[in-house]
Amino acid sequence: MSKICQITGKKAVIGNNVSHSKRRTKRKFDVNLFTKKFYWVEQDCWVSLKVSANGLRVINKLGLDAAIKRAAEKGYL
């Protein structure tokens, strides 16, 4: 699977390296991803997800069940 957060849908973006002489070359900004295991109480099982730092905050705020349902609705899972 590619480097995409399964909760927020964040993925790498393209930008520029800018040198001191203002010369621009292309570069890639990767997502801050973690492979993390969560215990899903409603399903009584462990789930392994690739989540970004922002995705971890979403899970802490909403709870795992609500975050997974929201991600499934938006098509990230």
C-alpha atoms as a PDB file:
ATOM      1  CA  MET A   1       0.000   0.000   0.000  1.00  0.00           C
ATOM      2  CA  SER A   2       1.215   3.508  -0.775  1.00  0.00           C
ATOM      3  CA  LYS A   3       2.023   6.310   1.630  1.00  0.00           C
ATOM      4  CA  ILE A   4      -1.537   7.492   2.300  1.00  0.00           C
ATOM      5  CA  CYS A   5      -3.158   7.992   5.707  1.00  0.00           C
ATOM      6  CA  GLN A   6      -6.103   5.623   6.075  1.00  0.00           C
ATOM      7  CA  ILE A   7      -7.987   7.992   8.396  1.00  0.00           C
ATOM      8  CA  THR A   8      -7.509  11.453   6.869  1.00  0.00           C
ATOM      9  CA  GLY A   9      -6.568  10.556   3.284  1.00  0.00           C
ATOM     10  CA  LYS A  10      -3.431  12.708   3.366  1.00  0.00           C
ATOM     11  CA  LYS A  11      -0.779  11.840   0.784  1.00  0.00           C
ATOM     12  CA  ALA A  12       2.497  13.219  -0.523  1.00  0.00           C
ATOM     13  CA  VAL A  13       2.491  16.574  -2.316  1.00  0.00           C
ATOM     14  CA  ILE A  14       4.948  18.055  -4.792  1.00  0.00           C
ATOM     15  CA  GLY A  15       6.790  21.308  -4.137  1.00  0.00           C
ATOM     16  CA  ASN A  16      10.038  23.097  -4.858  1.00  0.00           C
ATOM     17  CA  ASN A  17      13.484  23.109  -3.310  1.00  0.00           C
ATOM     18  CA  VAL A  18      14.605  26.735  -3.432  1.00  0.00           C
ATOM     19  CA  SER A  19      18.341  27.341  -3.344  1.00  0.00           C
ATOM     20  CA  HIS A  20      20.106  30.492  -2.170  1.00  0.00           C
ATOM     21  CA  SER A  21      20.182  31.706  -5.786  1.00  0.00           C
ATOM     22  CA  LYS A  22      16.402  31.075  -5.984  1.00  0.00           C
ATOM     23  CA  ARG A  23      16.849  28.166  -8.416  1.00  0.00           C
ATOM     24  CA  ARG A  24      13.867  25.840  -8.104  1.00  0.00           C
ATOM     25  CA  THR A  25      13.969  22.062  -8.400  1.00  0.00           C
ATOM     26  CA  LYS A  26      11.107  19.675  -7.746  1.00  0.00           C
ATOM     27  CA  ARG A  27      10.850  17.743  -4.484  1.00  0.00           C
ATOM     28  CA  LYS A  28       8.306  15.652  -2.633  1.00  0.00           C
ATOM     29  CA  PHE A  29       6.806  16.373   0.784  1.00  0.00           C
ATOM     30  CA  ASP A  30       5.983  13.009   2.372  1.00  0.00           C
ATOM     31  CA  VAL A  31       3.322  12.447   5.023  1.00  0.00           C
ATOM     32  CA  ASN A  32       4.288  11.807   8.639  1.00  0.00           C
ATOM     33  CA  LEU A  33       2.983   8.208   8.675  1.00  0.00           C
ATOM     34  CA  PHE A  34       2.999   5.561  11.390  1.00  0.00           C
ATOM     35  CA  THR A  35       1.930   1.933  11.255  1.00  0.00           C
ATOM     36  CA  LYS A  36      -0.032   1.551  14.466  1.00  0.00           C
ATOM     37  CA  LYS A  37      -2.203  -1.156  16.001  1.00  0.00           C
ATOM     38  CA  PHE A  38      -5.454  -0.158  17.696  1.00  0.00           C
ATOM     39  CA  TYR A  39      -7.828  -2.251  19.764  1.00  0.00           C
ATOM     40  CA  TRP A  40     -11.309  -1.888  18.281  1.00  0.00           C
ATOM     41  CA  VAL A  41     -13.688  -2.501  21.190  1.00  0.00           C
ATOM     42  CA  GLU A  42     -16.880  -2.710  19.106  1.00  0.00           C
ATOM     43  CA  GLN A  43     -15.468  -5.504  16.904  1.00  0.00           C
ATOM     44  CA  ASP A  44     -13.361  -7.046  19.736  1.00  0.00           C
ATOM     45  CA  CYS A  45     -10.213  -7.217  17.584  1.00  0.00           C
ATOM     46  CA  TRP A  46      -6.908  -5.502  16.863  1.00  0.00           C
ATOM     47  CA  VAL A  47      -6.694  -3.327  13.745  1.00  0.00           C
ATOM     48  CA  SER A  48      -3.449  -2.242  12.090  1.00  0.00           C
ATOM     49  CA  LEU A  49      -3.668   1.137  10.342  1.00  0.00           C
ATOM     50  CA  LYS A  50      -1.293   3.471   8.521  1.00  0.00           C
ATOM     51  CA  VAL A  51      -2.104   6.809  10.132  1.00  0.00           C
ATOM     52  CA  SER A  52      -0.559  10.265  10.022  1.00  0.00           C
ATOM     53  CA  ALA A  53       0.081  12.369  13.107  1.00  0.00           C
ATOM     54  CA  ASN A  54      -3.112  14.271  12.317  1.00  0.00           C
ATOM     55  CA  GLY A  55      -4.956  10.951  11.975  1.00  0.00           C
ATOM     56  CA  LEU A  56      -3.854   9.996  15.492  1.00  0.00           C
ATOM     57  CA  ARG A  57      -5.340  13.256  16.775  1.00  0.00           C
ATOM     58  CA  VAL A  58      -8.608  12.535  14.964  1.00  0.00           C
ATOM     59  CA  ILE A  59      -8.773   9.068  16.554  1.00  0.00           C
ATOM     60  CA  ASN A  60      -8.082  10.542  20.000  1.00  0.00           C
ATOM     61  CA  LYS A  61     -10.781  13.167  19.511  1.00  0.00           C
ATOM     62  CA  LEU A  62     -13.586  11.124  17.913  1.00  0.00           C
ATOM     63  CA  GLY A  63     -12.726   7.595  18.980  1.00  0.00           C
ATOM     64  CA  LEU A  64     -11.636   4.706  16.772  1.00  0.00           C
ATOM     65  CA  ASP A  65     -15.109   3.574  15.726  1.00  0.00           C
ATOM     66  CA  ALA A  66     -16.269   7.035  14.599  1.00  0.00           C
ATOM     67  CA  ALA A  67     -12.965   7.751  12.831  1.00  0.00           C
ATOM     68  CA  ILE A  68     -13.101   4.464  10.884  1.00  0.00           C
ATOM     69  CA  LYS A  69     -16.741   5.067   9.901  1.00  0.00           C
ATOM     70  CA  ARG A  70     -15.902   8.586   8.694  1.00  0.00           C
ATOM     71  CA  ALA A  71     -12.900   7.309   6.701  1.00  0.00           C
ATOM     72  CA  ALA A  72     -15.011   4.554   5.120  1.00  0.00           C
ATOM     73  CA  GLU A  73     -17.674   7.090   4.071  1.00  0.00           C
ATOM     74  CA  LYS A  74     -15.066   9.284   2.402  1.00  0.00           C
ATOM     75  CA  GLY A  75     -13.408   6.288   0.739  1.00  0.00           C
ATOM     76  CA  TYR A  76     -10.025   6.384   2.495  1.00  0.00           C
ATOM     77  CA  LEU A  77     -10.202   2.763   3.702  1.00  0.00           C
END
